[in-house]
């Protein structure tokens, strides 16, 4: 258990991603499934936080770094949510 925690911490530092994403990387690597990067799933709280960060003036690239994603992913999320609100 301690070894897995240390490995997840190392992955988080190396990949510059949150610990939750690092544990997903580790689970994929240690499991029998395909060895690919985990897919990020947005929770309602994540979306709310992203919108709050954006209203505070934080740019998409910086917000993306909080989640281990690119700024374009954040821009796409915000655009999609704006379209949902308009519909």
Foldseek 3Di string as FASTA:
>chain_A
DVVLQVQLVVQCVVLLADSVQSNVQVCLVPDPDDNDRDDDDDDPVLLVVLVVCVVVPDQLQVSCSHHSHGSVVSVVSVVVVVVVVVD
